[in-house]
Amino acid sequence: MSTKQIVQDLLQKLPEDVSLHDVAREIEFVAAVRQGVAEIERGERIPIEEIERELPFHQGQ
């Protein structure tokens, strides 16, 4: 599915009275998810253990 098709599909699913700001946020969310999936497919992921070490509530445990 092309980027244009993804945006068109998203627009079809949003309510008629959606704000331009909300449309932009939805597009940003879809873009971030697609980027994350692409990174995973390329093997560019961070192990969960490394992420947990960076979280403040795991400090000193």
Protein backbone atom coordinates (compact mmCIF):
# COMPACT_ATOMS: atom_id res chain seq x y z
CA MET A 1 0.00 0.00 0.00
CA SER A 2 1.43 3.39 -0.95
CA THR A 3 1.78 6.26 1.48
CA LYS A 4 -0.95 8.15 -0.34
CA GLN A 5 -3.29 5.16 -0.06
CA ILE A 6 -2.57 4.85 3.67
CA VAL A 7 -3.44 8.53 4.23
CA GLN A 8 -6.58 8.24 2.11
CA ASP A 9 -7.67 5.19 4.11
CA LEU A 10 -6.98 7.02 7.36
CA LEU A 11 -9.00 10.04 6.24
CA GLN A 12 -11.94 7.80 5.36
CA LYS A 13 -11.95 6.38 8.89
CA LEU A 14 -11.86 9.73 10.70
CA PRO A 15 -15.08 11.55 11.63
CA GLU A 16 -16.25 14.42 9.41
CA ASP A 17 -15.69 17.02 12.14
CA VAL A 18 -12.08 16.04 12.86
CA SER A 19 -9.69 18.96 13.32
CA LEU A 20 -6.67 19.49 11.12
CA HIS A 21 -4.51 19.14 14.22
CA ASP A 22 -6.00 15.70 14.94
CA VAL A 23 -5.45 14.64 11.32
CA ALA A 24 -1.80 15.65 11.62
CA ARG A 25 -1.41 13.70 14.88
CA GLU A 26 -2.95 10.59 13.31
CA ILE A 27 -0.62 10.81 10.32
CA GLU A 28 2.38 11.27 12.63
CA PHE A 29 1.33 8.20 14.62
CA VAL A 30 0.96 6.05 11.50
CA ALA A 31 4.33 7.29 10.22
CA ALA A 32 6.04 6.44 13.53
CA VAL A 33 4.55 2.94 13.58
CA ARG A 34 5.57 2.32 9.96
CA GLN A 35 9.09 3.56 10.72
CA GLY A 36 9.33 1.26 13.75
CA VAL A 37 8.17 -1.74 11.75
CA ALA A 38 10.68 -0.95 9.00
CA GLU A 39 13.49 -0.71 11.57
CA ILE A 40 12.54 -4.06 13.05
CA GLU A 41 12.45 -5.63 9.59
CA ARG A 42 15.97 -4.28 8.96
CA GLY A 43 17.15 -5.71 12.28
CA GLU A 44 17.58 -2.26 13.82
CA ARG A 45 15.94 -2.90 17.14
CA ILE A 46 17.03 -2.36 20.72
CA PRO A 47 16.79 -5.31 23.14
CA ILE A 48 14.15 -4.78 25.84
CA GLU A 49 16.78 -5.22 28.55
CA GLU A 50 18.67 -2.19 27.26
CA ILE A 51 15.49 -0.11 27.19
CA GLU A 52 14.59 -1.18 30.74
CA ARG A 53 18.02 -0.08 31.99
CA GLU A 54 17.34 3.41 30.61
CA LEU A 55 13.94 3.78 32.32
CA PRO A 56 14.02 5.84 35.55
CA PHE A 57 12.04 3.35 37.63
CA HIS A 58 14.63 0.65 36.97
CA GLN A 59 17.54 2.69 38.28
CA GLY A 60 19.26 1.03 41.21
CA GLN A 61 17.37 -2.25 40.96
